[in-house]
Amino acid sequence: MKITFLGCTSFSKKLLESIIDLPNIFIDSIFTIPELFKISYSQEKVKNTNYADLRPIANKKNIPIYTVNSESGKKMTDYLPVFQRNKPDIILVLGWYYKVPKTIRELAKYGAWGVHASLLPKYAGGAPLVWAIINGEKETGVTLFKLDSGIDDGDIIEQESFPIEDKDTIKEVYEKATEASINILRKALLNIDNIKLKPQDKSKIEVFPQRNPEDGEINLEWPAKRIYNFIRAQSTPYPGAFIKTIDNKKLVIYKARLID
């Protein structure tokens, strides 16, 4: 089974490592994005705080690797001939920041698959794990789905849930999401002939916005539990929640605890 892999995060790296040596799996090429990159919702370059360099894996396994960087003029569509030449069975989009055009998705026999860190149709859109913690959710999960033209609205392939404990920070929840993603991805690839797609009810899709570092400012008038959730949702490896001091400096708070 020929797979084209798109990714640029530590999440991407772990999933790639989990499937690269599976029987009957052949990674024909890898696409990645630089650590600092331009994206539609920001006038300035944004930093991928979970960036992982996939070039060492590509070099070790002799896999061609390509960089998508809109700033330098290398967009997804510029690589259309690569996809046409490879004719992949699946395009895996795991830890990615750009939309994959329909002209590319349709080149793969089974389409393009993505993993979203929520139990779709809940928490579609940006930063789903952060939003789930901020909102005090006790459970979330991951969804393997087929990419469509909308935001995380494609047919569901597989899902797995896990708890969010009261003391979990984004680091622990991210690790749980990664492990669950590995489970459902390997399961689907090893049983691809038995996959049954489940269409989403698009009327129930909840789309949450992307977040940037300036969204991390704490409102000290919030209830204590909301502030606590807000802090743990944005702690390491993310930039952190913060308050502004009287002289307008930023005081970042990475850890807090609730008292009676």
C-alpha atoms as a PDB file:
ATOM      1  CA  MET A   1       0.000   0.000   0.000  1.00  0.00           C
ATOM      2  CA  LYS A   2       1.554   3.284  -1.136  1.00  0.00           C
ATOM      3  CA  ILE A   3       1.219   6.181   1.290  1.00  0.00           C
ATOM      4  CA  THR A   4       2.121   9.846   0.887  1.00  0.00           C
ATOM      5  CA  PHE A   5       2.714  11.360   4.333  1.00  0.00           C
ATOM      6  CA  LEU A   6       2.083  15.012   5.281  1.00  0.00           C
ATOM      7  CA  GLY A   7       3.280  16.200   8.693  1.00  0.00           C
ATOM      8  CA  CYS A   8       5.496  18.618  10.608  1.00  0.00           C
ATOM      9  CA  THR A   9       4.925  18.056  14.351  1.00  0.00           C
ATOM     10  CA  SER A  10       6.046  15.693  17.113  1.00  0.00           C
ATOM     11  CA  PHE A  11       2.627  14.094  16.675  1.00  0.00           C
ATOM     12  CA  SER A  12       3.438  13.558  12.973  1.00  0.00           C
ATOM     13  CA  LYS A  13       6.797  12.020  13.806  1.00  0.00           C
ATOM     14  CA  LYS A  14       5.408   9.508  16.301  1.00  0.00           C
ATOM     15  CA  LEU A  15       2.648   8.406  13.928  1.00  0.00           C
ATOM     16  CA  LEU A  16       5.071   8.085  11.031  1.00  0.00           C
ATOM     17  CA  GLU A  17       7.407   5.971  13.171  1.00  0.00           C
ATOM     18  CA  SER A  18       4.479   3.776  14.240  1.00  0.00           C
ATOM     19  CA  ILE A  19       3.525   2.773  10.683  1.00  0.00           C
ATOM     20  CA  ILE A  20       6.695   3.033   8.638  1.00  0.00           C
ATOM     21  CA  ASP A  21       7.705  -0.599   9.257  1.00  0.00           C
ATOM     22  CA  LEU A  22       4.242  -2.154   9.085  1.00  0.00           C
ATOM     23  CA  PRO A  23       3.967  -5.034   6.613  1.00  0.00           C
ATOM     24  CA  ASN A  24       2.841  -4.066   3.111  1.00  0.00           C
ATOM     25  CA  ILE A  25       3.233  -0.322   3.837  1.00  0.00           C
ATOM     26  CA  PHE A  26       5.385   1.784   1.510  1.00  0.00           C
ATOM     27  CA  ILE A  27       5.894   5.506   2.201  1.00  0.00           C
ATOM     28  CA  ASP A  28       6.494   6.969  -1.261  1.00  0.00           C
ATOM     29  CA  SER A  29       7.176  10.554  -0.109  1.00  0.00           C
ATOM     30  CA  ILE A  30       6.986  12.914   2.856  1.00  0.00           C
ATOM     31  CA  PHE A  31       5.795  16.534   2.820  1.00  0.00           C
ATOM     32  CA  THR A  32       6.590  18.931   5.656  1.00  0.00           C
ATOM     33  CA  ILE A  33       6.320  22.610   6.716  1.00  0.00           C
ATOM     34  CA  PRO A  34       9.089  24.787   8.284  1.00  0.00           C
ATOM     35  CA  GLU A  35       9.053  25.573  11.994  1.00  0.00           C
ATOM     36  CA  LEU A  36       8.283  29.234  11.208  1.00  0.00           C
ATOM     37  CA  PHE A  37       5.671  29.618   8.505  1.00  0.00           C
ATOM     38  CA  LYS A  38       2.976  31.881   7.112  1.00  0.00           C
ATOM     39  CA  ILE A  39      -0.688  31.007   7.554  1.00  0.00           C
ATOM     40  CA  SER A  40      -3.920  32.754   6.623  1.00  0.00           C
ATOM     41  CA  TYR A  41      -5.039  33.823  10.105  1.00  0.00           C
ATOM     42  CA  SER A  42      -1.804  35.702  10.944  1.00  0.00           C
ATOM     43  CA  GLN A  43      -0.058  38.664   9.310  1.00  0.00           C
ATOM     44  CA  GLU A  44       3.252  37.527  10.800  1.00  0.00           C
ATOM     45  CA  LYS A  45       4.980  34.186  10.693  1.00  0.00           C
ATOM     46  CA  VAL A  46       3.707  31.749  13.313  1.00  0.00           C
ATOM     47  CA  LYS A  47       5.867  29.278  15.203  1.00  0.00           C
ATOM     48  CA  ASN A  48       5.017  25.593  15.281  1.00  0.00           C
ATOM     49  CA  THR A  49       5.559  24.941  19.003  1.00  0.00           C
ATOM     50  CA  ASN A  50       5.323  21.166  18.440  1.00  0.00           C
ATOM     51  CA  TYR A  51       7.634  21.152  15.416  1.00  0.00           C
ATOM     52  CA  ALA A  52       9.531  17.991  14.527  1.00  0.00           C
ATOM     53  CA  ASP A  53      12.093  17.631  11.741  1.00  0.00           C
ATOM     54  CA  LEU A  54      11.122  14.627   9.611  1.00  0.00           C
ATOM     55  CA  ARG A  55      14.218  14.814   7.399  1.00  0.00           C
ATOM     56  CA  PRO A  56      16.305  12.360   9.483  1.00  0.00           C
ATOM     57  CA  ILE A  57      13.592   9.692   9.060  1.00  0.00           C
ATOM     58  CA  ALA A  58      13.285  10.435   5.355  1.00  0.00           C
ATOM     59  CA  ASN A  59      17.058  10.247   4.865  1.00  0.00           C
ATOM     60  CA  LYS A  60      17.402   7.030   6.864  1.00  0.00           C
ATOM     61  CA  LYS A  61      14.650   5.317   4.878  1.00  0.00           C
ATOM     62  CA  ASN A  62      15.600   6.914   1.527  1.00  0.00           C
ATOM     63  CA  ILE A  63      12.209   8.588   1.209  1.00  0.00           C
ATOM     64  CA  PRO A  64      11.936  11.779  -0.893  1.00  0.00           C
ATOM     65  CA  ILE A  65      10.932  14.756   1.268  1.00  0.00           C
ATOM     66  CA  TYR A  66       9.429  18.052   0.095  1.00  0.00           C
ATOM     67  CA  THR A  67       8.837  21.349   1.925  1.00  0.00           C
ATOM     68  CA  VAL A  68       5.589  23.285   1.548  1.00  0.00           C
ATOM     69  CA  ASN A  69       6.274  26.937   2.305  1.00  0.00           C
ATOM     70  CA  SER A  70       3.886  29.529   0.917  1.00  0.00           C
ATOM     71  CA  GLU A  71       6.360  32.308   1.720  1.00  0.00           C
ATOM     72  CA  SER A  72       8.930  30.871  -0.698  1.00  0.00           C
ATOM     73  CA  GLY A  73       6.244  30.106  -3.277  1.00  0.00           C
ATOM     74  CA  LYS A  74       6.091  26.352  -2.681  1.00  0.00           C
ATOM     75  CA  LYS A  75       2.392  25.613  -2.275  1.00  0.00           C
ATOM     76  CA  MET A  76       0.641  22.244  -2.231  1.00  0.00           C
ATOM     77  CA  THR A  77      -0.523  22.633  -5.814  1.00  0.00           C
ATOM     78  CA  ASP A  78       3.065  23.207  -6.983  1.00  0.00           C
ATOM     79  CA  TYR A  79       3.731  19.586  -6.073  1.00  0.00           C
ATOM     80  CA  LEU A  80       0.772  18.206  -8.007  1.00  0.00           C
ATOM     81  CA  PRO A  81       3.102  16.391 -10.495  1.00  0.00           C
ATOM     82  CA  VAL A  82       4.688  14.499  -7.559  1.00  0.00           C
ATOM     83  CA  PHE A  83       1.306  13.197  -6.416  1.00  0.00           C
ATOM     84  CA  GLN A  84       0.331  12.347  -9.996  1.00  0.00           C
ATOM     85  CA  ARG A  85       3.543  10.417 -10.496  1.00  0.00           C
ATOM     86  CA  ASN A  86       3.315   8.516  -7.195  1.00  0.00           C
ATOM     87  CA  LYS A  87      -0.396   7.622  -7.450  1.00  0.00           C
ATOM     88  CA  PRO A  88      -0.697   6.884  -3.705  1.00  0.00           C
ATOM     89  CA  ASP A  89      -3.352   4.610  -2.237  1.00  0.00           C
ATOM     90  CA  ILE A  90      -3.716   6.951   0.769  1.00  0.00           C
ATOM     91  CA  ILE A  91      -2.567  10.457   1.597  1.00  0.00           C
ATOM     92  CA  LEU A  92      -2.052  10.699   5.361  1.00  0.00           C
ATOM     93  CA  VAL A  93      -2.431  14.240   6.706  1.00  0.00           C
ATOM     94  CA  LEU A  94      -1.193  14.091  10.295  1.00  0.00           C
ATOM     95  CA  GLY A  95      -0.099  17.279  12.040  1.00  0.00           C
ATOM     96  CA  TRP A  96      -0.587  19.682   9.123  1.00  0.00           C
ATOM     97  CA  TYR A  97      -1.499  23.373   8.783  1.00  0.00           C
ATOM     98  CA  TYR A  98      -2.571  23.863   5.165  1.00  0.00           C
ATOM     99  CA  LYS A  99      -5.689  22.756   3.339  1.00  0.00           C
ATOM    100  CA  VAL A 100      -5.156  19.816   0.984  1.00  0.00           C
ATOM    101  CA  PRO A 101      -6.785  20.694  -2.373  1.00  0.00           C
ATOM    102  CA  LYS A 102      -9.423  18.418  -3.824  1.00  0.00           C
ATOM    103  CA  THR A 103      -7.295  17.952  -6.970  1.00  0.00           C
ATOM    104  CA  ILE A 104      -4.669  16.262  -4.761  1.00  0.00           C
ATOM    105  CA  ARG A 105      -7.044  14.369  -2.459  1.00  0.00           C
ATOM    106  CA  GLU A 106      -8.761  12.734  -5.421  1.00  0.00           C
ATOM    107  CA  LEU A 107      -5.498  11.253  -6.706  1.00  0.00           C
ATOM    108  CA  ALA A 108      -5.392   8.721  -3.849  1.00  0.00           C
ATOM    109  CA  LYS A 109      -7.368   5.484  -4.177  1.00  0.00           C
ATOM    110  CA  TYR A 110      -8.748   5.716  -0.618  1.00  0.00           C
ATOM    111  CA  GLY A 111      -8.577   9.517  -0.441  1.00  0.00           C
ATOM    112  CA  ALA A 112      -6.777  11.683   2.123  1.00  0.00           C
ATOM    113  CA  TRP A 113      -7.057  10.724   5.793  1.00  0.00           C
ATOM    114  CA  GLY A 114      -6.534  12.953   8.788  1.00  0.00           C
ATOM    115  CA  VAL A 115      -6.586  12.571  12.557  1.00  0.00           C
ATOM    116  CA  HIS A 116      -8.400  15.257  14.519  1.00  0.00           C
ATOM    117  CA  ALA A 117      -7.874  15.454  18.281  1.00  0.00           C
ATOM    118  CA  SER A 118     -11.525  15.370  19.279  1.00  0.00           C
ATOM    119  CA  LEU A 119     -14.543  13.123  19.039  1.00  0.00           C
ATOM    120  CA  LEU A 120     -16.004  14.674  15.915  1.00  0.00           C
ATOM    121  CA  PRO A 121     -18.395  16.357  15.325  1.00  0.00           C
ATOM    122  CA  LYS A 122     -17.400  17.979  18.657  1.00  0.00           C
ATOM    123  CA  TYR A 123     -14.499  20.441  18.719  1.00  0.00           C
ATOM    124  CA  ALA A 124     -13.822  20.655  14.997  1.00  0.00           C
ATOM    125  CA  GLY A 125     -11.459  23.420  13.920  1.00  0.00           C
ATOM    126  CA  GLY A 126      -8.430  24.789  15.752  1.00  0.00           C
ATOM    127  CA  ALA A 127      -6.707  23.698  18.985  1.00  0.00           C
ATOM    128  CA  PRO A 128      -9.292  21.052  19.982  1.00  0.00           C
ATOM    129  CA  LEU A 129      -7.367  19.727  23.003  1.00  0.00           C
ATOM    130  CA  VAL A 130      -6.754  23.224  24.360  1.00  0.00           C
ATOM    131  CA  TRP A 131     -10.413  24.152  23.984  1.00  0.00           C
ATOM    132  CA  ALA A 132     -11.537  20.894  25.631  1.00  0.00           C
ATOM    133  CA  ILE A 133      -9.399  21.571  28.717  1.00  0.00           C
ATOM    134  CA  ILE A 134     -10.405  25.234  28.889  1.00  0.00           C
ATOM    135  CA  ASN A 135     -14.058  24.185  28.825  1.00  0.00           C
ATOM    136  CA  GLY A 136     -13.528  21.680  31.638  1.00  0.00           C
ATOM    137  CA  GLU A 137     -14.309  18.551  29.625  1.00  0.00           C
ATOM    138  CA  LYS A 138     -13.820  15.253  31.469  1.00  0.00           C
ATOM    139  CA  GLU A 139     -13.391  13.230  28.278  1.00  0.00           C
ATOM    140  CA  THR A 140     -12.239  13.746  24.733  1.00  0.00           C
ATOM    141  CA  GLY A 141     -10.655  11.568  22.061  1.00  0.00           C
ATOM    142  CA  VAL A 142      -9.358  11.342  18.533  1.00  0.00           C
ATOM    143  CA  THR A 143     -11.020  10.755  15.182  1.00  0.00           C
ATOM    144  CA  LEU A 144      -9.526   9.231  12.053  1.00  0.00           C
ATOM    145  CA  PHE A 145     -11.554  10.581   9.146  1.00  0.00           C
ATOM    146  CA  LYS A 146     -11.547  11.108   5.403  1.00  0.00           C
ATOM    147  CA  LEU A 147     -10.804  14.701   4.443  1.00  0.00           C
ATOM    148  CA  ASP A 148     -13.539  16.588   2.623  1.00  0.00           C
ATOM    149  CA  SER A 149     -13.931  20.185   1.473  1.00  0.00           C
ATOM    150  CA  GLY A 150     -15.154  21.568   4.810  1.00  0.00           C
ATOM    151  CA  ILE A 151     -13.511  21.891   8.235  1.00  0.00           C
ATOM    152  CA  ASP A 152     -13.054  18.419   9.756  1.00  0.00           C
ATOM    153  CA  ASP A 153     -16.387  17.349   8.250  1.00  0.00           C
ATOM    154  CA  GLY A 154     -15.427  14.200   6.339  1.00  0.00           C
ATOM    155  CA  ASP A 155     -16.621  10.635   6.884  1.00  0.00           C
ATOM    156  CA  ILE A 156     -15.424   9.014  10.119  1.00  0.00           C
ATOM    157  CA  ILE A 157     -13.183   5.938   9.836  1.00  0.00           C
ATOM    158  CA  GLU A 158     -12.396   5.241  13.503  1.00  0.00           C
ATOM    159  CA  GLN A 159     -12.594   6.942  16.920  1.00  0.00           C
ATOM    160  CA  GLU A 160     -11.114   6.359  20.363  1.00  0.00           C
ATOM    161  CA  SER A 161     -11.909   8.247  23.583  1.00  0.00           C
ATOM    162  CA  PHE A 162      -9.848   8.871  26.725  1.00  0.00           C
ATOM    163  CA  PRO A 163     -10.362  10.751  30.020  1.00  0.00           C
ATOM    164  CA  ILE A 164      -9.068  14.202  30.912  1.00  0.00           C
ATOM    165  CA  GLU A 165      -8.062  14.035  34.570  1.00  0.00           C
ATOM    166  CA  ASP A 166      -8.344  17.133  36.763  1.00  0.00           C
ATOM    167  CA  LYS A 167      -4.548  17.379  37.104  1.00  0.00           C
ATOM    168  CA  ASP A 168      -3.768  16.764  33.431  1.00  0.00           C
ATOM    169  CA  THR A 169      -2.028  19.578  31.584  1.00  0.00           C
ATOM    170  CA  ILE A 170      -1.963  19.902  27.803  1.00  0.00           C
ATOM    171  CA  LYS A 171       1.223  17.785  27.821  1.00  0.00           C
ATOM    172  CA  GLU A 172      -0.506  14.748  29.348  1.00  0.00           C
ATOM    173  CA  VAL A 173      -3.608  15.149  27.181  1.00  0.00           C
ATOM    174  CA  TYR A 174      -1.476  15.532  24.051  1.00  0.00           C
ATOM    175  CA  GLU A 175       0.353  12.302  24.926  1.00  0.00           C
ATOM    176  CA  LYS A 176      -2.950  10.470  25.394  1.00  0.00           C
ATOM    177  CA  ALA A 177      -4.182  11.788  22.059  1.00  0.00           C
ATOM    178  CA  THR A 178      -0.995  10.634  20.326  1.00  0.00           C
ATOM    179  CA  GLU A 179      -1.254   7.117  21.733  1.00  0.00           C
ATOM    180  CA  ALA A 180      -4.929   6.846  20.786  1.00  0.00           C
ATOM    181  CA  SER A 181      -4.127   8.139  17.286  1.00  0.00           C
ATOM    182  CA  ILE A 182      -1.457   5.475  16.814  1.00  0.00           C
ATOM    183  CA  ASN A 183      -3.966   2.816  17.853  1.00  0.00           C
ATOM    184  CA  ILE A 184      -6.714   3.828  15.440  1.00  0.00           C
ATOM    185  CA  LEU A 185      -4.367   4.511  12.530  1.00  0.00           C
ATOM    186  CA  ARG A 186      -2.618   1.143  12.756  1.00  0.00           C
ATOM    187  CA  LYS A 187      -5.959  -0.606  13.199  1.00  0.00           C
ATOM    188  CA  ALA A 188      -7.370   1.029  10.064  1.00  0.00           C
ATOM    189  CA  LEU A 189      -4.308   0.389   7.892  1.00  0.00           C
ATOM    190  CA  LEU A 190      -4.118  -3.264   8.911  1.00  0.00           C
ATOM    191  CA  ASN A 191      -7.846  -3.782   8.248  1.00  0.00           C
ATOM    192  CA  ILE A 192      -8.384  -1.472   5.305  1.00  0.00           C
ATOM    193  CA  ASP A 193     -10.637  -3.881   3.395  1.00  0.00           C
ATOM    194  CA  ASN A 194     -13.094  -3.949   6.310  1.00  0.00           C
ATOM    195  CA  ILE A 195     -13.395  -0.200   6.854  1.00  0.00           C
ATOM    196  CA  LYS A 196     -16.938   1.174   6.951  1.00  0.00           C
ATOM    197  CA  LEU A 197     -17.171   4.939   6.620  1.00  0.00           C
ATOM    198  CA  LYS A 198     -19.610   6.772   8.894  1.00  0.00           C
ATOM    199  CA  PRO A 199     -20.906  10.106   7.505  1.00  0.00           C
ATOM    200  CA  GLN A 200     -20.949  12.987   9.971  1.00  0.00           C
ATOM    201  CA  ASP A 201     -24.113  14.885  10.759  1.00  0.00           C
ATOM    202  CA  LYS A 202     -22.818  18.243   9.531  1.00  0.00           C
ATOM    203  CA  SER A 203     -25.541  20.115  11.385  1.00  0.00           C
ATOM    204  CA  LYS A 204     -23.873  19.042  14.657  1.00  0.00           C
ATOM    205  CA  ILE A 205     -20.313  20.081  13.800  1.00  0.00           C
ATOM    206  CA  GLU A 206     -18.864  22.560  16.322  1.00  0.00           C
ATOM    207  CA  VAL A 207     -16.065  24.605  14.726  1.00  0.00           C
ATOM    208  CA  PHE A 208     -13.678  26.275  17.184  1.00  0.00           C
ATOM    209  CA  PRO A 209     -11.248  29.037  16.135  1.00  0.00           C
ATOM    210  CA  GLN A 210      -7.473  28.781  15.936  1.00  0.00           C
ATOM    211  CA  ARG A 211      -5.554  30.219  18.890  1.00  0.00           C
ATOM    212  CA  ASN A 212      -2.451  32.384  19.005  1.00  0.00           C
ATOM    213  CA  PRO A 213      -0.221  33.396  21.965  1.00  0.00           C
ATOM    214  CA  GLU A 214      -2.165  36.609  22.619  1.00  0.00           C
ATOM    215  CA  ASP A 215      -5.308  34.562  23.304  1.00  0.00           C
ATOM    216  CA  GLY A 216      -3.638  33.295  26.477  1.00  0.00           C
ATOM    217  CA  GLU A 217      -4.356  36.359  28.623  1.00  0.00           C
ATOM    218  CA  ILE A 218      -6.079  35.458  31.900  1.00  0.00           C
ATOM    219  CA  ASN A 219      -9.088  37.427  33.093  1.00  0.00           C
ATOM    220  CA  LEU A 220      -8.700  37.523  36.876  1.00  0.00           C
ATOM    221  CA  GLU A 221     -12.436  38.081  37.274  1.00  0.00           C
ATOM    222  CA  TRP A 222     -13.118  34.537  36.058  1.00  0.00           C
ATOM    223  CA  PRO A 223     -13.981  31.857  38.628  1.00  0.00           C
ATOM    224  CA  ALA A 224     -10.957  30.007  40.042  1.00  0.00           C
ATOM    225  CA  LYS A 225     -11.774  26.746  38.235  1.00  0.00           C
ATOM    226  CA  ARG A 226     -11.906  28.485  34.860  1.00  0.00           C
ATOM    227  CA  ILE A 227      -8.549  30.175  35.467  1.00  0.00           C
ATOM    228  CA  TYR A 228      -7.036  26.838  36.549  1.00  0.00           C
ATOM    229  CA  ASN A 229      -8.291  25.105  33.398  1.00  0.00           C
ATOM    230  CA  PHE A 230      -7.092  28.012  31.265  1.00  0.00           C
ATOM    231  CA  ILE A 231      -3.568  27.727  32.687  1.00  0.00           C
ATOM    232  CA  ARG A 232      -3.195  23.952  32.356  1.00  0.00           C
ATOM    233  CA  ALA A 233      -4.594  24.032  28.817  1.00  0.00           C
ATOM    234  CA  GLN A 234      -1.734  26.257  27.626  1.00  0.00           C
ATOM    235  CA  SER A 235       1.253  25.132  29.683  1.00  0.00           C
ATOM    236  CA  THR A 236       4.431  23.567  28.273  1.00  0.00           C
ATOM    237  CA  PRO A 237       5.042  22.966  25.366  1.00  0.00           C
ATOM    238  CA  TYR A 238       2.661  25.823  24.488  1.00  0.00           C
ATOM    239  CA  PRO A 239       3.516  29.499  25.164  1.00  0.00           C
ATOM    240  CA  GLY A 240       1.545  29.624  28.408  1.00  0.00           C
ATOM    241  CA  ALA A 241      -1.325  31.602  29.921  1.00  0.00           C
ATOM    242  CA  PHE A 242      -0.382  35.016  31.274  1.00  0.00           C
ATOM    243  CA  ILE A 243      -1.401  38.163  33.073  1.00  0.00           C
ATOM    244  CA  LYS A 244      -0.267  41.721  32.320  1.00  0.00           C
ATOM    245  CA  THR A 245       1.590  43.531  35.103  1.00  0.00           C
ATOM    246  CA  ILE A 246       0.895  47.140  36.012  1.00  0.00           C
ATOM    247  CA  ASP A 247       3.782  48.234  33.747  1.00  0.00           C
ATOM    248  CA  ASN A 248       2.320  46.154  30.882  1.00  0.00           C
ATOM    249  CA  LYS A 249       4.829  43.304  31.079  1.00  0.00           C
ATOM    250  CA  LYS A 250       3.733  39.735  30.496  1.00  0.00           C
ATOM    251  CA  LEU A 251       3.862  37.341  33.458  1.00  0.00           C
ATOM    252  CA  VAL A 252       3.474  33.776  32.196  1.00  0.00           C
ATOM    253  CA  ILE A 253       1.950  31.186  34.532  1.00  0.00           C
ATOM    254  CA  TYR A 254       2.657  27.563  33.629  1.00  0.00           C
ATOM    255  CA  LYS A 255       1.313  25.823  36.726  1.00  0.00           C
ATOM    256  CA  ALA A 256      -1.391  26.456  39.305  1.00  0.00           C
ATOM    257  CA  ARG A 257      -3.488  24.577  41.829  1.00  0.00           C
ATOM    258  CA  LEU A 258      -6.937  24.955  43.281  1.00  0.00           C
ATOM    259  CA  ILE A 259      -7.507  25.430  47.009  1.00  0.00           C
ATOM    260  CA  ASP A 260     -10.788  25.318  48.908  1.00  0.00           C
END
